[in-house]
């Protein structure tokens, strides 16, 4: 796994071999961030990274200058790996990691965000409820975006607030806006 662009461009991150997380592929991540950089001033965004996994998405935002990232991860080993990597990169002031179940975190989240990225396990039983919960708890600022990464087995096109889907190989990103 590597950081694609920004301050830490080409930096390789090595999660332990026993990790259960599936990081976003480099091709999909690069395509996503190219699109985001054309739409947003990333350094000014307030980001929520749900199902942090390896932390790859949070590191990419931080590398590109974002200073306000919250990463939520429930798995103890993944959480510790993200904390360790954030420390090694020296971005403790930019990325704040919370060890929590996303479905318990969302109703209690005290902040609103410019962009929320969710990369749940593809086989998560209630994956379809993520957009509904984000909008139910009013977690997006005006003119903001939710992006959910998922397999082609999950369809969001009939969901309220769905705007578009982008596919990069086996990786699908569905976009939702207020």
Foldseek 3Di string as FASTA:
>chain_A
DAQPDAQRHRDDDDQDPPFPDDDDDPVVLVVVVVVVVVVDQLLPWAEEEEQCRQVRNVVNSVRSNHQHYEYEHADPSSQVNNVVVCVVVVNCRRYHYDHDDPVVCLLVPPAATQEYEYEDPQVDPPLLCVVVSCVVNVRYDAPHKYKYKYFPVDDCVVPPQWDDWDDDPRIIITMGHD
